[in-house]
PDB file of N, CA and C in Angstrom:
ATOM      1  N   MET A   1       0.832  -1.060   0.250  1.00  0.00           N
ATOM      2  CA  MET A   1       0.214  -0.059  -0.197  1.00  0.00           C
ATOM      3  C   MET A   1       1.064   1.033   0.036  1.00  0.00           C
ATOM      4  N   CYS A   2       0.248   2.114  -0.626  1.00  0.00           N
ATOM      5  CA  CYS A   2       1.273   3.570  -0.931  1.00  0.00           C
ATOM      6  C   CYS A   2       0.271   4.691  -0.028  1.00  0.00           C
ATOM      7  N   ALA A   3       1.511   5.168   0.787  1.00  0.00           N
ATOM      8  CA  ALA A   3       1.101   6.067   1.613  1.00  0.00           C
ATOM      9  C   ALA A   3       1.092   7.446   0.895  1.00  0.00           C
ATOM     10  N   LEU A   4       0.059   8.091   0.827  1.00  0.00           N
ATOM     11  CA  LEU A   4      -0.142   9.474   0.037  1.00  0.00           C
ATOM     12  C   LEU A   4       0.688  10.531   1.365  1.00  0.00           C
ATOM     13  N   ARG A   5       1.476  11.196   0.758  1.00  0.00           N
ATOM     14  CA  ARG A   5       1.967  12.489   1.524  1.00  0.00           C
ATOM     15  C   ARG A   5       1.119  13.872   1.320  1.00  0.00           C
ATOM     16  N   ARG A   6       1.063  14.648   2.324  1.00  0.00           N
ATOM     17  CA  ARG A   6       0.563  16.088   2.616  1.00  0.00           C
ATOM     18  C   ARG A   6       1.245  16.816   1.696  1.00  0.00           C
ATOM     19  N   PRO A   7       1.598  17.452   1.028  1.00  0.00           N
ATOM     20  CA  PRO A   7       2.890  18.799   0.564  1.00  0.00           C
ATOM     21  C   PRO A   7       2.811  19.516   2.190  1.00  0.00           C
ATOM     22  N   ARG A   8       3.954  19.416   1.789  1.00  0.00           N
ATOM     23  CA  ARG A   8       4.304  20.631   3.075  1.00  0.00           C
ATOM     24  C   ARG A   8       4.087  21.990   2.448  1.00  0.00           C
ATOM     25  N   ARG A   9       3.661  22.890   3.789  1.00  0.00           N
ATOM     26  CA  ARG A   9       3.498  24.145   3.645  1.00  0.00           C
ATOM     27  C   ARG A   9       4.905  24.949   3.812  1.00  0.00           C
ATOM     28  N   PRO A  10       5.219  25.618   3.347  1.00  0.00           N
ATOM     29  CA  PRO A  10       6.086  27.041   3.795  1.00  0.00           C
ATOM     30  C   PRO A  10       6.529  27.000   5.390  1.00  0.00           C
ATOM     31  N   ASP A  11       7.640  27.300   5.400  1.00  0.00           N
ATOM     32  CA  ASP A  11       7.845  26.742   6.621  1.00  0.00           C
ATOM     33  C   ASP A  11       7.849  28.307   7.468  1.00  0.00           C
ATOM     34  N   HIS A  12       6.671  28.841   8.023  1.00  0.00           N
ATOM     35  CA  HIS A  12       7.305  30.506   8.211  1.00  0.00           C
ATOM     36  C   HIS A  12       7.829  30.923   9.441  1.00  0.00           C
ATOM     37  N   ALA A  13       7.435  30.079  10.277  1.00  0.00           N
ATOM     38  CA  ALA A  13       8.496  30.194  11.453  1.00  0.00           C
ATOM     39  C   ALA A  13       9.829  30.196  10.877  1.00  0.00           C
ATOM     40  N   HIS A  14       9.902  29.309  10.045  1.00  0.00           N
ATOM     41  CA  HIS A  14      11.925  29.264   9.800  1.00  0.00           C
ATOM     42  C   HIS A  14      12.407  30.589   8.862  1.00  0.00           C
ATOM     43  N   SER A  15      11.331  31.004   8.289  1.00  0.00           N
ATOM     44  CA  SER A  15      11.616  32.245   7.294  1.00  0.00           C
ATOM     45  C   SER A  15      11.395  33.568   8.623  1.00  0.00           C
ATOM     46  N   ARG A  16      10.757  33.686   9.329  1.00  0.00           N
ATOM     47  CA  ARG A  16      11.000  34.977  10.180  1.00  0.00           C
ATOM     48  C   ARG A  16      12.033  34.705  11.109  1.00  0.00           C
ATOM     49  N   LEU A  17      12.785  33.463  11.335  1.00  0.00           N
ATOM     50  CA  LEU A  17      13.813  33.202  12.203  1.00  0.00           C
ATOM     51  C   LEU A  17      15.355  33.902  11.435  1.00  0.00           C
ATOM     52  N   TRP A  18      15.387  33.208   9.966  1.00  0.00           N
ATOM     53  CA  TRP A  18      16.305  33.568   9.543  1.00  0.00           C
ATOM     54  C   TRP A  18      16.181  35.282   9.023  1.00  0.00           C
ATOM     55  N   ARG A  19      15.054  35.648   8.816  1.00  0.00           N
ATOM     56  CA  ARG A  19      15.048  37.273   8.456  1.00  0.00           C
ATOM     57  C   ARG A  19      15.565  38.082   9.937  1.00  0.00           C
ATOM     58  N   GLN A  20      14.858  37.515  11.176  1.00  0.00           N
ATOM     59  CA  GLN A  20      15.192  38.132  12.538  1.00  0.00           C
ATOM     60  C   GLN A  20      16.845  38.085  12.906  1.00  0.00           C
ATOM     61  N   ARG A  21      17.423  37.042  12.077  1.00  0.00           N
ATOM     62  CA  ARG A  21      18.566  36.530  12.534  1.00  0.00           C
ATOM     63  C   ARG A  21      19.357  37.623  11.853  1.00  0.00           C
ATOM     64  N   TRP A  22      18.662  37.721  10.331  1.00  0.00           N
ATOM     65  CA  TRP A  22      19.447  38.375   9.148  1.00  0.00           C
ATOM     66  C   TRP A  22      20.003  40.269   9.991  1.00  0.00           C
ATOM     67  N   LEU A  23      18.283  40.899  10.267  1.00  0.00           N
ATOM     68  CA  LEU A  23      18.070  42.076  10.827  1.00  0.00           C
ATOM     69  C   LEU A  23      19.062  42.157  12.059  1.00  0.00           C
ATOM     70  N   ASP A  24      19.815  41.252  12.972  1.00  0.00           N
ATOM     71  CA  ASP A  24      20.021  41.244  14.202  1.00  0.00           C
ATOM     72  C   ASP A  24      21.838  41.395  14.132  1.00  0.00           C
ATOM     73  N   ALA A  25      22.039  40.784  12.833  1.00  0.00           N
ATOM     74  CA  ALA A  25      23.199  40.961  12.666  1.00  0.00           C
ATOM     75  C   ALA A  25      23.497  42.153  11.544  1.00  0.00           C
ATOM     76  N   ALA A  26      22.606  42.731  10.833  1.00  0.00           N
ATOM     77  CA  ALA A  26      22.533  44.085  10.432  1.00  0.00           C
ATOM     78  C   ALA A  26      22.789  45.025  11.156  1.00  0.00           C
ATOM     79  N   ARG A  27      22.086  44.962  12.032  1.00  0.00           N
ATOM     80  CA  ARG A  27      21.927  45.998  13.397  1.00  0.00           C
ATOM     81  C   ARG A  27      23.484  45.924  14.326  1.00  0.00           C
ATOM     82  N   ARG A  28      23.620  44.647  14.318  1.00  0.00           N
ATOM     83  CA  ARG A  28      25.415  44.772  14.882  1.00  0.00           C
ATOM     84  C   ARG A  28      26.820  45.351  14.088  1.00  0.00           C
ATOM     85  N   GLU A  29      26.173  45.374  12.742  1.00  0.00           N
ATOM     86  CA  GLU A  29      27.370  45.833  11.838  1.00  0.00           C
ATOM     87  C   GLU A  29      27.489  47.759  12.317  1.00  0.00           C
ATOM     88  N   LEU A  30      26.069  47.588  12.137  1.00  0.00           N
ATOM     89  CA  LEU A  30      25.654  49.057  12.337  1.00  0.00           C
ATOM     90  C   LEU A  30      26.226  49.963  13.476  1.00  0.00           C
ATOM     91  N   ARG A  31      25.754  49.097  14.398  1.00  0.00           N
ATOM     92  CA  ARG A  31      26.394  49.356  15.711  1.00  0.00           C
ATOM     93  C   ARG A  31      28.008  49.576  15.703  1.00  0.00           C
ATOM     94  N   ARG A  32      28.565  48.419  15.405  1.00  0.00           N
ATOM     95  CA  ARG A  32      30.344  48.499  15.308  1.00  0.00           C
ATOM     96  C   ARG A  32      30.448  49.545  13.991  1.00  0.00           C
ATOM     97  N   GLY A  33      30.279  49.637  13.395  1.00  0.00           N
ATOM     98  CA  GLY A  33      30.364  50.727  12.232  1.00  0.00           C
ATOM     99  C   GLY A  33      30.745  52.115  12.986  1.00  0.00           C
ATOM    100  N   LYS A  34      29.315  52.231  13.360  1.00  0.00           N
ATOM    101  CA  LYS A  34      29.230  53.521  14.274  1.00  0.00           C
ATOM    102  C   LYS A  34      30.349  54.253  15.333  1.00  0.00           C
ATOM    103  N   ALA A  35      30.592  52.973  15.804  1.00  0.00           N
ATOM    104  CA  ALA A  35      31.580  52.502  17.061  1.00  0.00           C
ATOM    105  C   ALA A  35      32.725  52.714  16.815  1.00  0.00           C
ATOM    106  N   LEU A  36      33.235  52.481  15.065  1.00  0.00           N
ATOM    107  CA  LEU A  36      34.163  52.418  14.474  1.00  0.00           C
ATOM    108  C   LEU A  36      34.818  53.784  13.944  1.00  0.00           C
ATOM    109  N   TYR A  37      33.552  54.465  13.717  1.00  0.00           N
ATOM    110  CA  TYR A  37      33.684  55.814  13.128  1.00  0.00           C
ATOM    111  C   TYR A  37      34.108  56.239  14.632  1.00  0.00           C
ATOM    112  N   THR A  38      33.863  56.467  15.788  1.00  0.00           N
ATOM    113  CA  THR A  38      34.617  57.245  16.959  1.00  0.00           C
ATOM    114  C   THR A  38      35.825  56.977  16.825  1.00  0.00           C
ATOM    115  N   SER A  39      36.198  55.368  17.339  1.00  0.00           N
ATOM    116  CA  SER A  39      37.337  54.521  17.621  1.00  0.00           C
ATOM    117  C   SER A  39      38.595  54.817  16.664  1.00  0.00           C
ATOM    118  N   LEU A  40      37.958  54.559  15.691  1.00  0.00           N
ATOM    119  CA  LEU A  40      39.137  55.305  14.277  1.00  0.00           C
ATOM    120  C   LEU A  40      39.512  56.536  14.347  1.00  0.00           C
ATOM    121  N   THR A  41      38.690  57.059  14.749  1.00  0.00           N
ATOM    122  CA  THR A  41      38.907  58.630  14.714  1.00  0.00           C
ATOM    123  C   THR A  41      38.712  59.253  13.445  1.00  0.00           C
ATOM    124  N   CYS A  42      37.529  58.642  12.722  1.00  0.00           N
ATOM    125  CA  CYS A  42      36.858  59.238  11.662  1.00  0.00           C
ATOM    126  C   CYS A  42      36.409  60.653  11.842  1.00  0.00           C
ATOM    127  N   ASP A  43      35.759  60.337  12.713  1.00  0.00           N
ATOM    128  CA  ASP A  43      34.980  62.119  13.504  1.00  0.00           C
ATOM    129  C   ASP A  43      35.988  63.021  13.346  1.00  0.00           C
ATOM    130  N   GLY A  44      37.598  63.112  13.107  1.00  0.00           N
ATOM    131  CA  GLY A  44      38.150  64.248  13.456  1.00  0.00           C
ATOM    132  C   GLY A  44      38.618  64.964  11.895  1.00  0.00           C
ATOM    133  N   CYS A  45      37.653  64.255  11.457  1.00  0.00           N
ATOM    134  CA  CYS A  45      38.289  65.331   9.745  1.00  0.00           C
ATOM    135  C   CYS A  45      36.728  64.562   9.086  1.00  0.00           C
ATOM    136  N   HIS A  46      36.051  63.710   9.015  1.00  0.00           N
ATOM    137  CA  HIS A  46      34.846  63.625   8.194  1.00  0.00           C
ATOM    138  C   HIS A  46      33.452  63.886   9.130  1.00  0.00           C
ATOM    139  N   THR A  47      32.315  64.263   9.099  1.00  0.00           N
ATOM    140  CA  THR A  47      31.551  65.021   9.594  1.00  0.00           C
ATOM    141  C   THR A  47      30.100  63.971   8.861  1.00  0.00           C
ATOM    142  N   LEU A  48      29.127  63.839  10.279  1.00  0.00           N
ATOM    143  CA  LEU A  48      28.061  63.417   9.446  1.00  0.00           C
ATOM    144  C   LEU A  48      26.824  64.079   9.261  1.00  0.00           C
ATOM    145  N   THR A  49      26.758  65.247   9.065  1.00  0.00           N
ATOM    146  CA  THR A  49      26.253  66.525   8.977  1.00  0.00           C
ATOM    147  C   THR A  49      26.326  67.610   7.476  1.00  0.00           C
ATOM    148  N   GLY A  50      27.598  66.689   6.427  1.00  0.00           N
ATOM    149  CA  GLY A  50      27.124  67.679   5.588  1.00  0.00           C
ATOM    150  C   GLY A  50      27.897  69.154   6.016  1.00  0.00           C
ATOM    151  N   ILE A  51      28.198  69.358   6.648  1.00  0.00           N
ATOM    152  CA  ILE A  51      29.491  70.468   6.830  1.00  0.00           C
ATOM    153  C   ILE A  51      30.892  69.713   6.346  1.00  0.00           C
ATOM    154  N   ARG A  52      31.490  70.865   5.476  1.00  0.00           N
ATOM    155  CA  ARG A  52      32.809  70.811   5.204  1.00  0.00           C
ATOM    156  C   ARG A  52      34.423  70.639   6.478  1.00  0.00           C
ATOM    157  N   ALA A  53      34.593  69.697   6.512  1.00  0.00           N
ATOM    158  CA  ALA A  53      35.624  69.603   7.622  1.00  0.00           C
ATOM    159  C   ALA A  53      36.763  69.038   6.763  1.00  0.00           C
ATOM    160  N   THR A  54      37.960  68.662   7.506  1.00  0.00           N
ATOM    161  CA  THR A  54      39.318  68.057   6.690  1.00  0.00           C
ATOM    162  C   THR A  54      39.016  67.431   5.536  1.00  0.00           C
ATOM    163  N   GLY A  55      38.297  66.337   5.961  1.00  0.00           N
ATOM    164  CA  GLY A  55      37.815  65.180   4.738  1.00  0.00           C
ATOM    165  C   GLY A  55      36.442  65.853   4.725  1.00  0.00           C
ATOM    166  N   PRO A  56      36.018  65.000   3.436  1.00  0.00           N
ATOM    167  CA  PRO A  56      34.608  65.263   2.792  1.00  0.00           C
ATOM    168  C   PRO A  56      33.666  64.518   4.000  1.00  0.00           C
ATOM    169  N   THR A  57      32.669  64.900   3.973  1.00  0.00           N
ATOM    170  CA  THR A  57      31.526  64.511   4.749  1.00  0.00           C
ATOM    171  C   THR A  57      31.051  63.463   4.508  1.00  0.00           C
ATOM    172  N   PHE A  58      30.515  62.463   5.672  1.00  0.00           N
ATOM    173  CA  PHE A  58      29.978  61.256   5.197  1.00  0.00           C
ATOM    174  C   PHE A  58      28.659  60.889   4.713  1.00  0.00           C
ATOM    175  N   ARG A  59      27.847  62.094   5.182  1.00  0.00           N
ATOM    176  CA  ARG A  59      26.387  62.463   5.332  1.00  0.00           C
ATOM    177  C   ARG A  59      26.386  62.078   3.365  1.00  0.00           C
ATOM    178  N   GLY A  60      25.407  61.201   2.537  1.00  0.00           N
ATOM    179  CA  GLY A  60      25.285  61.195   1.126  1.00  0.00           C
ATOM    180  C   GLY A  60      26.598  60.848   1.012  1.00  0.00           C
ATOM    181  N   LEU A  61      27.434  60.325   0.993  1.00  0.00           N
ATOM    182  CA  LEU A  61      28.720  60.134   0.112  1.00  0.00           C
ATOM    183  C   LEU A  61      28.375  58.842  -0.455  1.00  0.00           C
ATOM    184  N   ALA A  62      27.804  57.836  -0.080  1.00  0.00           N
ATOM    185  CA  ALA A  62      27.696  56.275   0.063  1.00  0.00           C
ATOM    186  C   ALA A  62      26.813  56.535  -1.653  1.00  0.00           C
ATOM    187  N   GLY A  63      27.277  55.852  -2.833  1.00  0.00           N
ATOM    188  CA  GLY A  63      26.520  56.229  -3.585  1.00  0.00           C
ATOM    189  C   GLY A  63      26.435  57.140  -4.609  1.00  0.00           C
ATOM    190  N   SER A  64      27.202  58.180  -4.051  1.00  0.00           N
ATOM    191  CA  SER A  64      27.393  59.690  -4.858  1.00  0.00           C
ATOM    192  C   SER A  64      28.648  59.489  -6.018  1.00  0.00           C
ATOM    193  N   GLN A  65      28.338  60.565  -6.604  1.00  0.00           N
ATOM    194  CA  GLN A  65      29.363  60.826  -7.355  1.00  0.00           C
ATOM    195  C   GLN A  65      30.368  61.519  -7.077  1.00  0.00           C
ATOM    196  N   VAL A  66      31.799  61.369  -6.944  1.00  0.00           N
ATOM    197  CA  VAL A  66      33.224  61.636  -5.833  1.00  0.00           C
ATOM    198  C   VAL A  66      34.343  62.129  -7.169  1.00  0.00           C
ATOM    199  N   LYS A  67      34.625  63.416  -7.430  1.00  0.00           N
ATOM    200  CA  LYS A  67      35.710  63.875  -8.807  1.00  0.00           C
ATOM    201  C   LYS A  67      36.343  63.971  -7.616  1.00  0.00           C
ATOM    202  N   LEU A  68      37.993  63.203  -8.516  1.00  0.00           N
ATOM    203  CA  LEU A  68      38.892  63.016  -7.272  1.00  0.00           C
ATOM    204  C   LEU A  68      40.145  64.110  -8.005  1.00  0.00           C
ATOM    205  N   LYS A  69      41.227  64.332  -7.166  1.00  0.00           N
ATOM    206  CA  LYS A  69      42.498  65.075  -7.727  1.00  0.00           C
ATOM    207  C   LYS A  69      42.552  64.781  -9.179  1.00  0.00           C
ATOM    208  N   SER A  70      42.840  63.220  -9.320  1.00  0.00           N
ATOM    209  CA  SER A  70      43.086  62.607 -10.954  1.00  0.00           C
ATOM    210  C   SER A  70      42.409  63.272 -11.612  1.00  0.00           C
ATOM    211  N   GLY A  71      41.137  64.191 -11.643  1.00  0.00           N
ATOM    212  CA  GLY A  71      40.591  64.541 -12.563  1.00  0.00           C
ATOM    213  C   GLY A  71      39.017  63.686 -13.387  1.00  0.00           C
ATOM    214  N   LYS A  72      39.022  62.440 -12.602  1.00  0.00           N
ATOM    215  CA  LYS A  72      38.378  61.517 -12.628  1.00  0.00           C
ATOM    216  C   LYS A  72      37.077  61.377 -11.533  1.00  0.00           C
ATOM    217  N   THR A  73      36.032  61.002 -12.593  1.00  0.00           N
ATOM    218  CA  THR A  73      34.655  60.987 -11.458  1.00  0.00           C
ATOM    219  C   THR A  73      34.094  59.321 -10.850  1.00  0.00           C
ATOM    220  N   VAL A  74      34.294  59.321  -9.954  1.00  0.00           N
ATOM    221  CA  VAL A  74      33.907  57.836  -9.504  1.00  0.00           C
ATOM    222  C   VAL A  74      32.732  57.655  -8.580  1.00  0.00           C
ATOM    223  N   THR A  75      32.109  56.635  -8.493  1.00  0.00           N
ATOM    224  CA  THR A  75      30.736  56.186  -8.142  1.00  0.00           C
ATOM    225  C   THR A  75      31.350  55.644  -6.303  1.00  0.00           C
ATOM    226  N   ALA A  76      30.941  56.609  -5.497  1.00  0.00           N
ATOM    227  CA  ALA A  76      31.686  55.889  -3.886  1.00  0.00           C
ATOM    228  C   ALA A  76      30.431  54.943  -3.297  1.00  0.00           C
ATOM    229  N   ASP A  77      31.176  53.955  -4.607  1.00  0.00           N
ATOM    230  CA  ASP A  77      30.400  52.591  -4.044  1.00  0.00           C
ATOM    231  C   ASP A  77      31.178  51.768  -3.164  1.00  0.00           C
ATOM    232  N   ASP A  78      30.583  50.470  -2.750  1.00  0.00           N
ATOM    233  CA  ASP A  78      30.996  49.600  -1.606  1.00  0.00           C
ATOM    234  C   ASP A  78      33.050  49.300  -2.094  1.00  0.00           C
ATOM    235  N   ASP A  79      33.219  49.025  -3.039  1.00  0.00           N
ATOM    236  CA  ASP A  79      34.515  48.897  -3.473  1.00  0.00           C
ATOM    237  C   ASP A  79      35.562  50.294  -3.512  1.00  0.00           C
ATOM    238  N   TYR A  80      34.428  51.118  -3.632  1.00  0.00           N
ATOM    239  CA  TYR A  80      35.526  52.630  -3.282  1.00  0.00           C
ATOM    240  C   TYR A  80      35.829  53.085  -2.061  1.00  0.00           C
ATOM    241  N   LEU A  81      34.667  53.063  -1.478  1.00  0.00           N
ATOM    242  CA  LEU A  81      34.765  53.182  -0.657  1.00  0.00           C
ATOM    243  C   LEU A  81      36.083  52.184   0.563  1.00  0.00           C
ATOM    244  N   PHE A  82      35.765  50.645   0.529  1.00  0.00           N
ATOM    245  CA  PHE A  82      36.583  49.675   1.209  1.00  0.00           C
ATOM    246  C   PHE A  82      38.633  50.201   0.652  1.00  0.00           C
ATOM    247  N   GLU A  83      38.556  50.820  -0.645  1.00  0.00           N
ATOM    248  CA  GLU A  83      39.535  50.910  -1.104  1.00  0.00           C
ATOM    249  C   GLU A  83      40.112  52.119  -0.557  1.00  0.00           C
ATOM    250  N   SER A  84      39.322  52.987  -0.337  1.00  0.00           N
ATOM    251  CA  SER A  84      39.830  54.349   0.425  1.00  0.00           C
ATOM    252  C   SER A  84      39.997  54.350   1.802  1.00  0.00           C
ATOM    253  N   ILE A  85      39.527  52.654   2.243  1.00  0.00           N
ATOM    254  CA  ILE A  85      39.634  52.648   4.073  1.00  0.00           C
ATOM    255  C   ILE A  85      41.442  51.878   3.901  1.00  0.00           C
ATOM    256  N   GLU A  86      41.124  50.932   3.215  1.00  0.00           N
ATOM    257  CA  GLU A  86      42.563  50.081   3.029  1.00  0.00           C
ATOM    258  C   GLU A  86      43.700  50.621   2.988  1.00  0.00           C
ATOM    259  N   THR A  87      43.429  51.921   1.659  1.00  0.00           N
ATOM    260  CA  THR A  87      44.805  52.521   1.171  1.00  0.00           C
ATOM    261  C   THR A  87      44.418  54.009   0.857  1.00  0.00           C
ATOM    262  N   PRO A  88      44.370  54.467   2.227  1.00  0.00           N
ATOM    263  CA  PRO A  88      43.648  56.513   2.071  1.00  0.00           C
ATOM    264  C   PRO A  88      44.564  57.137   1.195  1.00  0.00           C
ATOM    265  N   ASN A  89      45.815  57.207   0.899  1.00  0.00           N
ATOM    266  CA  ASN A  89      46.009  58.123  -0.397  1.00  0.00           C
ATOM    267  C   ASN A  89      45.899  57.647  -1.290  1.00  0.00           C
ATOM    268  N   LYS A  90      45.515  56.894  -2.017  1.00  0.00           N
ATOM    269  CA  LYS A  90      45.410  56.112  -3.437  1.00  0.00           C
ATOM    270  C   LYS A  90      44.391  57.245  -4.426  1.00  0.00           C
ATOM    271  N   GLU A  91      43.368  57.338  -3.772  1.00  0.00           N
ATOM    272  CA  GLU A  91      42.210  58.174  -4.551  1.00  0.00           C
ATOM    273  C   GLU A  91      42.252  59.669  -3.461  1.00  0.00           C
ATOM    274  N   ILE A  92      42.477  60.545  -3.944  1.00  0.00           N
ATOM    275  CA  ILE A  92      42.393  61.772  -3.019  1.00  0.00           C
ATOM    276  C   ILE A  92      41.102  62.807  -3.516  1.00  0.00           C
ATOM    277  N   VAL A  93      39.888  62.845  -2.861  1.00  0.00           N
ATOM    278  CA  VAL A  93      38.858  63.748  -3.202  1.00  0.00           C
ATOM    279  C   VAL A  93      39.140  65.229  -3.194  1.00  0.00           C
ATOM    280  N   ALA A  94      38.824  65.643  -4.870  1.00  0.00           N
ATOM    281  CA  ALA A  94      39.631  66.405  -5.687  1.00  0.00           C
ATOM    282  C   ALA A  94      39.052  67.985  -4.081  1.00  0.00           C
ATOM    283  N   SER A  95      39.553  69.224  -3.671  1.00  0.00           N
ATOM    284  CA  SER A  95      39.646  70.201  -2.875  1.00  0.00           C
ATOM    285  C   SER A  95      40.333  69.637  -1.327  1.00  0.00           C
ATOM    286  N   PHE A  96      40.569  68.243  -1.405  1.00  0.00           N
ATOM    287  CA  PHE A  96      41.158  68.195  -0.146  1.00  0.00           C
ATOM    288  C   PHE A  96      42.668  67.405  -0.100  1.00  0.00           C
ATOM    289  N   SER A  97      43.550  67.070   0.996  1.00  0.00           N
ATOM    290  CA  SER A  97      44.780  67.195   1.004  1.00  0.00           C
ATOM    291  C   SER A  97      44.693  65.768   1.284  1.00  0.00           C
ATOM    292  N   ALA A  98      45.843  64.817   1.014  1.00  0.00           N
ATOM    293  CA  ALA A  98      45.843  63.810   1.637  1.00  0.00           C
ATOM    294  C   ALA A  98      46.821  63.781   2.615  1.00  0.00           C
ATOM    295  N   LEU A  99      45.498  63.526   4.122  1.00  0.00           N
ATOM    296  CA  LEU A  99      46.306  63.493   5.091  1.00  0.00           C
ATOM    297  C   LEU A  99      46.003  62.263   5.747  1.00  0.00           C
ATOM    298  N   MET A 100      44.858  61.372   5.379  1.00  0.00           N
ATOM    299  CA  MET A 100      44.188  60.172   5.553  1.00  0.00           C
ATOM    300  C   MET A 100      45.297  59.628   6.447  1.00  0.00           C
ATOM    301  N   GLU A 101      46.504  58.936   5.650  1.00  0.00           N
ATOM    302  CA  GLU A 101      47.660  58.348   5.916  1.00  0.00           C
ATOM    303  C   GLU A 101      48.347  58.665   7.207  1.00  0.00           C
ATOM    304  N   ALA A 102      48.020  59.867   7.913  1.00  0.00           N
ATOM    305  CA  ALA A 102      48.771  60.365   8.987  1.00  0.00           C
ATOM    306  C   ALA A 102      47.981  59.871   9.930  1.00  0.00           C
ATOM    307  N   VAL A 103      47.259  59.316   9.672  1.00  0.00           N
ATOM    308  CA  VAL A 103      45.623  58.680  10.910  1.00  0.00           C
ATOM    309  C   VAL A 103      45.742  57.378  11.047  1.00  0.00           C
ATOM    310  N   ILE A 104      45.320  57.046   9.529  1.00  0.00           N
ATOM    311  CA  ILE A 104      44.819  55.774   9.394  1.00  0.00           C
ATOM    312  C   ILE A 104      46.332  55.303   8.322  1.00  0.00           C
ATOM    313  N   LYS A 105      47.122  53.793   8.960  1.00  0.00           N
ATOM    314  CA  LYS A 105      47.829  53.645   8.464  1.00  0.00           C
ATOM    315  C   LYS A 105      47.484  52.643   6.974  1.00  0.00           C
ATOM    316  N   PRO A 106      47.940  52.483   5.782  1.00  0.00           N
ATOM    317  CA  PRO A 106      47.238  51.582   4.562  1.00  0.00           C
ATOM    318  C   PRO A 106      47.316  49.989   5.084  1.00  0.00           C
ATOM    319  N   HIS A 107      46.279  49.436   5.045  1.00  0.00           N
ATOM    320  CA  HIS A 107      46.405  47.955   5.285  1.00  0.00           C
ATOM    321  C   HIS A 107      45.981  47.408   6.819  1.00  0.00           C
ATOM    322  N   SER A 108      45.792  48.704   7.779  1.00  0.00           N
ATOM    323  CA  SER A 108      45.645  48.998   9.250  1.00  0.00           C
ATOM    324  C   SER A 108      44.189  48.520   9.529  1.00  0.00           C
ATOM    325  N   VAL A 109      43.211  48.795   8.694  1.00  0.00           N
ATOM    326  CA  VAL A 109      41.811  48.207   9.307  1.00  0.00           C
ATOM    327  C   VAL A 109      41.834  47.058   8.846  1.00  0.00           C
ATOM    328  N   SER A 110      41.169  46.282   9.556  1.00  0.00           N
ATOM    329  CA  SER A 110      40.775  44.667   8.953  1.00  0.00           C
ATOM    330  C   SER A 110      39.491  45.025   8.100  1.00  0.00           C
ATOM    331  N   GLU A 111      39.565  44.286   7.354  1.00  0.00           N
ATOM    332  CA  GLU A 111      38.353  43.818   6.324  1.00  0.00           C
ATOM    333  C   GLU A 111      37.133  43.806   6.921  1.00  0.00           C
ATOM    334  N   ARG A 112      36.419  43.027   8.353  1.00  0.00           N
ATOM    335  CA  ARG A 112      35.434  43.189   8.891  1.00  0.00           C
ATOM    336  C   ARG A 112      35.458  44.370   9.099  1.00  0.00           C
ATOM    337  N   ASP A 113      36.373  45.366   9.393  1.00  0.00           N
ATOM    338  CA  ASP A 113      36.015  46.413  10.374  1.00  0.00           C
ATOM    339  C   ASP A 113      35.831  47.946   9.170  1.00  0.00           C
ATOM    340  N   ALA A 114      36.433  47.777   8.206  1.00  0.00           N
ATOM    341  CA  ALA A 114      36.066  48.515   7.156  1.00  0.00           C
ATOM    342  C   ALA A 114      34.256  47.992   6.422  1.00  0.00           C
ATOM    343  N   ARG A 115      34.166  46.600   6.413  1.00  0.00           N
ATOM    344  CA  ARG A 115      32.744  46.575   5.848  1.00  0.00           C
ATOM    345  C   ARG A 115      31.816  47.121   6.778  1.00  0.00           C
ATOM    346  N   ASP A 116      31.852  47.047   8.411  1.00  0.00           N
ATOM    347  CA  ASP A 116      31.082  47.435   9.408  1.00  0.00           C
ATOM    348  C   ASP A 116      31.498  49.061   9.285  1.00  0.00           C
ATOM    349  N   LEU A 117      32.393  49.968   9.142  1.00  0.00           N
ATOM    350  CA  LEU A 117      32.274  51.248   8.874  1.00  0.00           C
ATOM    351  C   LEU A 117      31.455  51.470   7.487  1.00  0.00           C
ATOM    352  N   ILE A 118      31.824  50.751   6.446  1.00  0.00           N
ATOM    353  CA  ILE A 118      30.893  51.301   5.094  1.00  0.00           C
ATOM    354  C   ILE A 118      29.459  51.149   5.221  1.00  0.00           C
ATOM    355  N   ALA A 119      29.038  49.844   5.935  1.00  0.00           N
ATOM    356  CA  ALA A 119      27.494  49.695   6.376  1.00  0.00           C
ATOM    357  C   ALA A 119      26.885  51.046   7.163  1.00  0.00           C
ATOM    358  N   PHE A 120      27.735  51.557   8.242  1.00  0.00           N
ATOM    359  CA  PHE A 120      27.177  52.569   8.641  1.00  0.00           C
ATOM    360  C   PHE A 120      27.354  53.880   7.846  1.00  0.00           C
ATOM    361  N   ILE A 121      28.872  54.423   7.127  1.00  0.00           N
ATOM    362  CA  ILE A 121      28.593  54.929   5.717  1.00  0.00           C
ATOM    363  C   ILE A 121      27.211  55.525   5.449  1.00  0.00           C
ATOM    364  N   LYS A 122      26.782  53.927   4.529  1.00  0.00           N
ATOM    365  CA  LYS A 122      25.965  54.115   3.505  1.00  0.00           C
ATOM    366  C   LYS A 122      24.136  54.507   4.290  1.00  0.00           C
ATOM    367  N   THR A 123      24.294  54.364   5.813  1.00  0.00           N
ATOM    368  CA  THR A 123      23.239  55.033   6.727  1.00  0.00           C
ATOM    369  C   THR A 123      22.971  56.538   6.895  1.00  0.00           C
ATOM    370  N   VAL A 124      24.213  56.986   6.436  1.00  0.00           N
ATOM    371  CA  VAL A 124      24.337  58.390   6.910  1.00  0.00           C
ATOM    372  C   VAL A 124      23.796  59.250   5.582  1.00  0.00           C
ATOM    373  N   ARG A 125      22.790  59.847   6.200  1.00  0.00           N
ATOM    374  CA  ARG A 125      22.294  60.463   4.746  1.00  0.00           C
ATOM    375  C   ARG A 125      21.409  61.991   4.886  1.00  0.00           C
TER     376      ARG A 125
END
């Protein structure tokens, strides 16, 4: 005799659990990024308010078009932001000086810290 199986309903509890874990991880990443903004002394040169300081403001930076001293314009996407953190003086934003390496040495920020900082920068609107 062959037993018929009921079709399985989607496991909504599992889906909600996965979504909650993802949200919790994203919140942790943002909290770490915000803490890094202060602990790495980014706040000494980069504002969150749009006010010009020693370095470009983080307000609205993510996804924007950035004109560089070299004359080219790039999009401030994750790759650009990561490279700017990893090798600070490689690409300098037009009208700013190459001062960041005096504070953050090249490759001194871990990949995880850089990704968390980028996650935070992306929320500054």
